[in-house]
């Protein structure tokens, strides 16, 4: 058994047909009753029924051709009233035709079409074959035009406002989805940059050490090559964790946090950078986003030390305060020179700019720049809930 579904236009056609048939049946059955209560009107006959049928069936095309439908209904109704038939259901058909024009056409053409219909409808007031009401009949006749026209205009304006609101909401949802996608792409790019950039910087330094030692002391070059293997494996593992979280759509942040600073220190020691880590205050669990951001700031700052500072040591200080966690990375290298090279690190929104965006997203602050006594300093403060 096949089930057929009607589209929007099909449903409108069916509803218009149903309305036309209802008004046709109502007109044929109720017009005689209306005539019984209107002495002096012309008795209902075959001609009146034809006019009632023509007016009702014109509504079959009321949405596809509203002006044509109104014209047919108006001619049939005016002819009906001019002949002197009783006021009755045919006026309801006229009311529907006026309402349709007001709903489906702009106000100006709808008003012109309705004004013409009203003028034709008034003919029976002065020239009807039955008792002509004269000027006293203008106001009642105008009610059959003004009321449906006003209701139709209100409905049309309301429909257009609703359509505009829905369109604006749809555009807003599209724009929000685009912003979320852009933010997610930036977040992934920053994570990959932090993981891969740090790993490659360490591997590059270790490779230079191995190349330097290989001709003269090959047995010591093996230590550097082992460090390269370990660093690359750790970087790949961390990258795999990051991309795995992205593929799963996980809400949680990737694993790295301040607890992994000792492993980061050991990895950089193999690349020739000695890192001293100091912890101030009582270490405690902090939100995952803060933990990750603090770790990434330290990682990026130490990677820049390895690349640009030209020194063999750096200091990291982690301070657990009442309402924030701060991290500070300092060295005694070429601070002024690195200030000039930092923008190259930041191309594409990475490096120091990436640190700044990451910290700002959490409501924190980031300070970077040369130290007064020489070297470079990176300082980040990240707010956390006060401890009780």
Protein backbone atom coordinates (compact mmCIF):
# COMPACT_ATOMS: atom_id res chain seq x y z
CA UNK A 1 0.00 0.00 0.00
CA UNK A 2 1.49 3.34 -1.08
CA UNK A 3 1.11 6.46 1.06
CA UNK A 4 1.19 9.76 -0.83
CA UNK A 5 2.36 12.92 0.91
CA UNK A 6 1.18 16.30 -0.30
CA UNK A 7 3.60 19.19 -0.57
CA UNK A 8 2.81 22.72 0.60
CA UNK A 9 1.14 23.70 -2.67
CA UNK A 10 -0.90 20.46 -2.74
CA UNK A 11 -2.14 21.06 0.80
CA UNK A 12 -3.16 24.61 -0.12
CA UNK A 13 -5.10 23.34 -3.16
CA UNK A 14 -6.93 20.77 -1.04
CA UNK A 15 -7.77 23.30 1.67
CA UNK A 16 -9.02 25.82 -0.92
CA UNK A 17 -11.19 23.15 -2.54
CA UNK A 18 -12.61 22.18 0.84
CA UNK A 19 -13.37 25.83 1.67
CA UNK A 20 -15.06 26.38 -1.69
CA UNK A 21 -17.25 23.30 -1.28
CA UNK A 22 -18.20 24.26 2.27
CA UNK A 23 -19.23 27.77 1.19
CA UNK A 24 -21.06 26.35 -1.82
CA UNK A 25 -23.06 23.95 0.33
CA UNK A 26 -23.69 26.60 2.97
CA UNK A 27 -24.84 29.10 0.34
CA UNK A 28 -27.21 26.71 -1.38
CA UNK A 29 -28.77 25.56 1.89
CA UNK A 30 -28.90 28.78 3.91
CA UNK A 31 -29.79 31.41 1.29
CA UNK A 32 -33.44 30.30 1.24
CA UNK A 33 -33.64 30.64 5.03
CA UNK A 34 -32.14 34.12 4.79
CA UNK A 35 -34.76 35.09 2.19
CA UNK A 36 -37.60 34.00 4.48
CA UNK A 37 -36.49 36.67 6.97
CA UNK A 38 -36.12 39.45 4.36
CA UNK A 39 -39.55 40.45 3.04
CA UNK A 40 -39.38 42.24 -0.27
CA UNK A 41 -36.30 40.40 -1.52
CA UNK A 42 -36.45 38.34 -4.69
CA UNK A 43 -37.21 34.64 -4.11
CA UNK A 44 -34.27 32.27 -4.43
CA UNK A 45 -34.28 30.58 -7.82
CA UNK A 46 -31.92 28.76 -10.21
CA UNK A 47 -30.19 32.00 -11.27
CA UNK A 48 -29.33 32.89 -7.66
CA UNK A 49 -27.96 29.40 -7.10
CA UNK A 50 -25.75 29.71 -10.18
CA UNK A 51 -24.36 33.02 -8.92
CA UNK A 52 -23.73 31.48 -5.48
CA UNK A 53 -21.94 28.53 -7.10
CA UNK A 54 -19.81 30.80 -9.35
CA UNK A 55 -18.71 32.91 -6.37
CA UNK A 56 -17.89 29.88 -4.19
CA UNK A 57 -16.01 27.95 -6.91
CA UNK A 58 -13.90 31.03 -7.75
CA UNK A 59 -12.18 30.48 -4.41
CA UNK A 60 -10.51 27.37 -5.85
CA UNK A 61 -7.84 29.70 -7.29
CA UNK A 62 -7.86 32.30 -4.52
CA UNK A 63 -4.15 31.83 -3.65
CA UNK A 64 -2.83 31.27 -7.16
CA UNK A 65 -4.78 34.21 -8.62
CA UNK A 66 -6.23 36.28 -5.76
CA UNK A 67 -7.18 39.31 -7.88
CA UNK A 68 -8.94 37.17 -10.49
CA UNK A 69 -10.80 35.28 -7.77
CA UNK A 70 -11.87 38.56 -6.13
CA UNK A 71 -13.04 39.92 -9.49
CA UNK A 72 -15.21 36.86 -10.21
CA UNK A 73 -16.62 36.82 -6.66
CA UNK A 74 -17.35 40.59 -6.79
CA UNK A 75 -19.14 40.40 -10.15
CA UNK A 76 -21.21 37.41 -9.01
CA UNK A 77 -22.05 39.04 -5.65
CA UNK A 78 -22.91 42.45 -7.15
CA UNK A 79 -25.09 40.84 -9.82
CA UNK A 80 -26.79 38.77 -7.12
CA UNK A 81 -27.54 41.88 -5.03
CA UNK A 82 -28.53 44.08 -8.00
CA UNK A 83 -31.14 41.51 -9.02
CA UNK A 84 -32.56 41.81 -5.51
CA UNK A 85 -31.79 38.45 -3.98
CA UNK A 86 -31.58 38.42 -0.17
CA UNK A 87 -28.45 39.23 1.80
CA UNK A 88 -26.96 35.87 2.70
CA UNK A 89 -24.00 33.47 2.62
CA UNK A 90 -22.71 34.84 -0.68
CA UNK A 91 -21.38 37.82 1.28
CA UNK A 92 -19.25 35.44 3.35
CA UNK A 93 -17.68 34.26 0.09
CA UNK A 94 -17.00 37.90 -0.82
CA UNK A 95 -15.45 38.47 2.62
CA UNK A 96 -13.06 35.52 2.10
CA UNK A 97 -12.01 36.83 -1.31
CA UNK A 98 -11.18 40.28 0.11
CA UNK A 99 -9.25 38.73 3.00
CA UNK A 100 -7.23 36.58 0.56
CA UNK A 101 -6.18 39.60 -1.52
CA UNK A 102 -5.07 41.46 1.62
CA UNK A 103 -3.03 38.47 2.84
CA UNK A 104 -1.31 37.50 -0.41
CA UNK A 105 -0.66 40.86 -2.10
CA UNK A 106 1.34 43.93 -1.03
CA UNK A 107 -0.79 46.63 0.58
CA UNK A 108 -0.95 49.03 -2.39
CA UNK A 109 -2.16 46.59 -5.09
CA UNK A 110 -4.39 44.86 -2.53
CA UNK A 111 -5.99 48.21 -1.62
CA UNK A 112 -6.56 49.08 -5.30
CA UNK A 113 -8.19 45.71 -6.02
CA UNK A 114 -10.33 45.91 -2.89
CA UNK A 115 -11.35 49.52 -3.65
CA UNK A 116 -12.60 48.46 -7.09
CA UNK A 117 -14.53 45.59 -5.55
CA UNK A 118 -16.09 47.92 -2.99
CA UNK A 119 -17.18 50.38 -5.69
CA UNK A 120 -18.86 47.58 -7.65
CA UNK A 121 -20.47 46.19 -4.52
CA UNK A 122 -22.03 49.62 -3.75
CA UNK A 123 -24.00 49.57 -7.02
CA UNK A 124 -26.82 47.62 -5.43
CA UNK A 125 -27.17 50.25 -2.67
CA UNK A 126 -28.44 52.78 -5.20
CA UNK A 127 -29.54 50.72 -8.19
CA UNK A 128 -30.82 47.41 -6.79
CA UNK A 129 -34.13 46.01 -8.09
CA UNK A 130 -35.26 45.37 -4.52
CA UNK A 131 -35.69 48.01 -1.81
CA UNK A 132 -32.57 50.20 -2.29
CA UNK A 133 -31.20 51.33 1.10
CA UNK A 134 -29.47 54.40 -0.38
CA UNK A 135 -26.77 56.15 1.59
CA UNK A 136 -27.78 54.34 4.75
CA UNK A 137 -26.54 51.14 3.15
CA UNK A 138 -23.00 52.42 2.45
CA UNK A 139 -21.71 51.84 5.97
CA UNK A 140 -22.98 48.24 6.28
CA UNK A 141 -21.66 47.47 2.81
CA UNK A 142 -18.25 48.94 3.66
CA UNK A 143 -17.98 46.66 6.68
CA UNK A 144 -17.84 43.64 4.35
CA UNK A 145 -14.73 45.18 2.76
CA UNK A 146 -12.90 47.10 5.49
CA UNK A 147 -13.01 44.42 8.18
CA UNK A 148 -11.63 41.47 6.12
CA UNK A 149 -9.10 43.77 4.44
CA UNK A 150 -7.78 45.04 7.79
CA UNK A 151 -7.61 41.52 9.23
CA UNK A 152 -5.79 40.29 6.13
CA UNK A 153 -3.20 43.09 6.30
CA UNK A 154 -2.54 42.36 9.98
CA UNK A 155 -2.10 38.66 9.22
CA UNK A 156 0.22 39.43 6.31
CA UNK A 157 2.41 41.79 8.37
CA UNK A 158 2.54 39.27 11.21
CA UNK A 159 3.49 36.47 8.79
CA UNK A 160 6.26 38.57 7.24
CA UNK A 161 7.60 39.51 10.67
CA UNK A 162 7.62 35.85 11.69
CA UNK A 163 9.41 34.91 8.47
CA UNK A 164 12.03 37.63 9.06
CA UNK A 165 12.52 36.47 12.64
CA UNK A 166 12.98 32.88 11.54
CA UNK A 167 15.41 33.93 8.81
CA UNK A 168 17.42 35.98 11.30
CA UNK A 169 17.44 33.06 13.75
CA UNK A 170 18.59 30.72 10.98
CA UNK A 171 21.37 33.13 10.00
CA UNK A 172 22.31 33.42 13.66
CA UNK A 173 22.53 29.64 14.02
CA UNK A 174 24.66 29.39 10.88
CA UNK A 175 26.94 32.17 12.11
CA UNK A 176 27.23 30.58 15.56
CA UNK A 177 28.07 27.21 14.02
CA UNK A 178 30.69 28.90 11.82
CA UNK A 179 32.22 30.67 14.83
CA UNK A 180 32.29 27.44 16.82
CA UNK A 181 33.93 25.64 13.91
CA UNK A 182 36.53 28.41 13.56
CA UNK A 183 37.23 28.36 17.29
CA UNK A 184 37.59 24.58 17.23
CA UNK A 185 39.97 24.74 14.26
CA UNK A 186 42.08 27.36 16.06
CA UNK A 187 42.10 25.28 19.24
CA UNK A 188 43.22 22.16 17.35
CA UNK A 189 45.86 24.16 15.45
CA UNK A 190 47.19 25.56 18.72
CA UNK A 191 47.34 22.12 20.34
CA UNK A 192 49.12 20.59 17.34
CA UNK A 193 51.50 23.56 17.19
CA UNK A 194 52.38 23.23 20.87
CA UNK A 195 52.95 19.48 20.66
CA UNK A 196 54.76 19.31 17.33
CA UNK A 197 56.67 22.59 17.70
CA UNK A 198 58.12 21.64 21.05
CA UNK A 199 59.02 18.12 19.91
CA UNK A 200 60.70 19.32 16.71
CA UNK A 201 62.68 22.00 18.55
CA UNK A 202 64.03 19.43 20.99
CA UNK A 203 64.78 16.93 18.19
CA UNK A 204 66.56 19.64 16.16
CA UNK A 205 68.80 20.56 19.08
CA UNK A 206 69.59 16.91 19.85
CA UNK A 207 70.35 16.24 16.17
CA UNK A 208 72.85 19.10 16.12
CA UNK A 209 74.54 17.66 19.18
CA UNK A 210 74.69 14.21 17.54
CA UNK A 211 76.16 15.62 14.32
CA UNK A 212 78.77 17.51 16.31
CA UNK A 213 79.82 14.45 18.34
CA UNK A 214 79.59 11.80 15.62
CA UNK A 215 83.02 12.40 13.90
CA UNK A 216 85.01 12.67 17.12
CA UNK A 217 83.10 10.76 19.82
CA UNK A 218 80.55 8.46 18.16
CA UNK A 219 79.85 6.66 21.42
CA UNK A 220 78.48 9.90 22.93
CA UNK A 221 76.47 10.65 19.79
CA UNK A 222 74.49 7.52 20.59
CA UNK A 223 73.12 9.25 23.71
CA UNK A 224 71.81 12.14 21.60
CA UNK A 225 70.28 9.77 19.05
CA UNK A 226 68.56 7.88 21.87
CA UNK A 227 67.18 11.17 23.16
CA UNK A 228 65.88 11.95 19.65
CA UNK A 229 64.10 8.60 19.55
CA UNK A 230 62.56 9.13 22.98
CA UNK A 231 61.49 12.74 22.26
CA UNK A 232 59.90 11.86 18.93
CA UNK A 233 58.04 8.93 20.50
CA UNK A 234 56.73 11.10 23.35
CA UNK A 235 55.69 13.85 20.94
CA UNK A 236 53.85 11.34 18.75
CA UNK A 237 52.11 9.85 21.80
CA UNK A 238 50.97 13.30 22.93
CA UNK A 239 49.83 14.18 19.41
CA UNK A 240 47.90 10.91 19.22
CA UNK A 241 46.13 11.71 22.51
CA UNK A 242 45.20 15.20 21.27
CA UNK A 243 43.86 14.02 17.91
CA UNK A 244 42.09 11.08 19.56
CA UNK A 245 40.19 13.50 21.82
CA UNK A 246 39.22 15.55 18.76
CA UNK A 247 37.98 12.49 16.84
CA UNK A 248 35.86 11.35 19.79
CA UNK A 249 34.42 14.82 20.22
CA UNK A 250 35.40 14.68 23.87
CA UNK A 251 34.51 17.66 26.01
CA UNK A 252 37.48 17.20 28.28
CA UNK A 253 40.84 18.75 27.52
CA UNK A 254 43.82 16.58 26.58
CA UNK A 255 45.94 15.00 29.32
CA UNK A 256 48.99 17.34 29.72
CA UNK A 257 49.07 19.50 32.85
CA UNK A 258 51.43 20.94 35.45
CA UNK A 259 52.01 17.45 36.85
CA UNK A 260 53.99 16.67 33.68
CA UNK A 261 56.51 19.46 34.16
CA UNK A 262 59.16 17.03 35.48
CA UNK A 263 58.85 14.95 32.29
CA UNK A 264 59.13 18.14 30.22
CA UNK A 265 62.22 19.15 32.20
CA UNK A 266 63.86 15.75 31.60
CA UNK A 267 63.08 15.88 27.89
CA UNK A 268 64.68 19.31 27.53
CA UNK A 269 67.70 18.20 29.54
CA UNK A 270 68.34 15.66 26.82
CA UNK A 271 68.27 18.52 24.30
CA UNK A 272 70.90 20.45 26.25
CA UNK A 273 68.64 22.82 28.22
CA UNK A 274 68.76 22.53 32.01
CA UNK A 275 65.46 23.61 33.53
CA UNK A 276 65.01 24.35 37.20
CA UNK A 277 61.40 23.95 38.36
CA UNK A 278 60.28 25.64 41.58
CA UNK A 279 56.85 25.28 43.16
CA UNK A 280 55.53 27.94 45.53
CA UNK A 281 52.51 27.32 47.73
CA UNK A 282 50.59 24.09 48.19
CA UNK A 283 50.07 22.21 44.91
CA UNK A 284 46.40 21.39 44.39
CA UNK A 285 44.05 20.21 41.70
CA UNK A 286 42.92 23.01 39.37
CA UNK A 287 40.39 23.02 36.51
CA UNK A 288 41.54 20.99 33.52
CA UNK A 289 41.49 24.01 31.20
CA UNK A 290 43.69 26.03 33.57
CA UNK A 291 46.03 23.08 34.12
CA UNK A 292 46.46 22.58 30.36
CA UNK A 293 46.91 26.31 29.64
CA UNK A 294 49.58 26.67 32.33
CA UNK A 295 51.47 23.66 30.98
CA UNK A 296 51.27 24.93 27.39
CA UNK A 297 52.57 28.37 28.38
CA UNK A 298 55.59 26.78 30.09
CA UNK A 299 56.13 24.40 27.17
CA UNK A 300 56.01 27.16 24.55
CA UNK A 301 58.21 29.49 26.60
CA UNK A 302 60.86 26.79 27.10
CA UNK A 303 60.69 25.87 23.41
CA UNK A 304 61.47 29.51 22.57
CA UNK A 305 64.36 29.45 25.03
CA UNK A 306 65.72 26.37 23.28
CA UNK A 307 65.33 27.99 19.85
CA UNK A 308 66.35 31.59 20.44
CA UNK A 309 67.97 32.29 23.79
CA UNK A 310 71.36 30.73 23.18
CA UNK A 311 71.66 29.63 26.82
CA UNK A 312 71.88 26.26 28.55
CA UNK A 313 69.49 26.92 31.45
CA UNK A 314 66.10 28.36 32.34
CA UNK A 315 63.96 28.68 35.45
CA UNK A 316 60.28 27.81 35.86
CA UNK A 317 58.26 28.96 38.86
CA UNK A 318 54.76 27.70 39.57
CA UNK A 319 52.90 29.63 42.27
CA UNK A 320 49.65 28.26 43.71
CA UNK A 321 47.86 31.29 45.15
CA UNK A 322 44.47 31.60 46.80
CA UNK A 323 42.55 32.66 43.69
CA UNK A 324 44.98 31.99 40.84
CA UNK A 325 47.86 29.91 39.57
CA UNK A 326 50.83 31.72 38.07
CA UNK A 327 53.69 30.37 35.97
CA UNK A 328 56.89 32.22 35.21
CA UNK A 329 59.66 31.20 32.80
CA UNK A 330 62.92 33.16 32.83
CA UNK A 331 66.35 32.85 31.24
CA UNK A 332 69.47 34.95 30.86
CA UNK A 333 69.77 34.69 27.09
CA UNK A 334 69.37 37.18 24.25
CA UNK A 335 66.16 38.79 25.43
CA UNK A 336 66.24 41.86 23.19
CA UNK A 337 67.00 39.83 20.10
CA UNK A 338 64.17 37.44 20.81
CA UNK A 339 61.73 40.30 21.08
CA UNK A 340 62.45 40.93 17.43
CA UNK A 341 62.14 37.29 16.45
CA UNK A 342 58.95 36.60 18.38
CA UNK A 343 56.60 37.71 15.60
CA UNK A 344 58.09 35.14 13.28
CA UNK A 345 57.11 32.59 15.88
CA UNK A 346 53.61 33.98 15.89
CA UNK A 347 52.76 33.57 12.23
CA UNK A 348 49.36 31.97 11.89
CA UNK A 349 48.42 32.79 15.49
CA UNK A 350 50.97 30.55 17.20
CA UNK A 351 53.89 31.16 19.58
CA UNK A 352 53.50 34.12 21.91
CA UNK A 353 50.22 35.15 20.25
CA UNK A 354 48.87 31.65 20.81
CA UNK A 355 49.87 31.84 24.48
CA UNK A 356 48.14 35.18 24.83
CA UNK A 357 44.89 33.91 23.25
CA UNK A 358 44.91 30.79 25.40
CA UNK A 359 45.39 32.76 28.62
CA UNK A 360 42.89 35.49 27.68
CA UNK A 361 40.21 32.87 26.94
CA UNK A 362 40.37 31.85 30.61
CA UNK A 363 40.25 35.42 31.91
CA UNK A 364 43.96 35.47 32.75
CA UNK A 365 46.84 37.79 31.92
CA UNK A 366 50.13 37.24 30.11
CA UNK A 367 53.26 39.36 30.28
CA UNK A 368 56.29 38.78 28.06
CA UNK A 369 59.42 40.77 27.43
CA UNK A 370 63.14 41.26 28.14
CA UNK A 371 64.32 41.30 31.75
CA UNK A 372 66.04 44.31 33.20
CA UNK A 373 69.16 42.31 34.06
CA UNK A 374 69.24 40.50 30.72
CA UNK A 375 67.33 37.57 29.35
CA UNK A 376 63.63 37.06 28.73
CA UNK A 377 60.59 36.57 30.98
CA UNK A 378 57.20 34.99 30.32
CA UNK A 379 54.60 35.36 33.10
CA UNK A 380 51.01 34.11 33.11
CA UNK A 381 48.33 34.41 35.79
CA UNK A 382 45.31 32.14 35.51
CA UNK A 383 42.30 32.62 37.82
CA UNK A 384 40.89 29.68 39.79
CA UNK A 385 38.20 29.33 42.42
CA UNK A 386 39.51 30.39 45.84
CA UNK A 387 40.33 27.51 48.18
CA UNK A 388 38.23 27.20 51.34
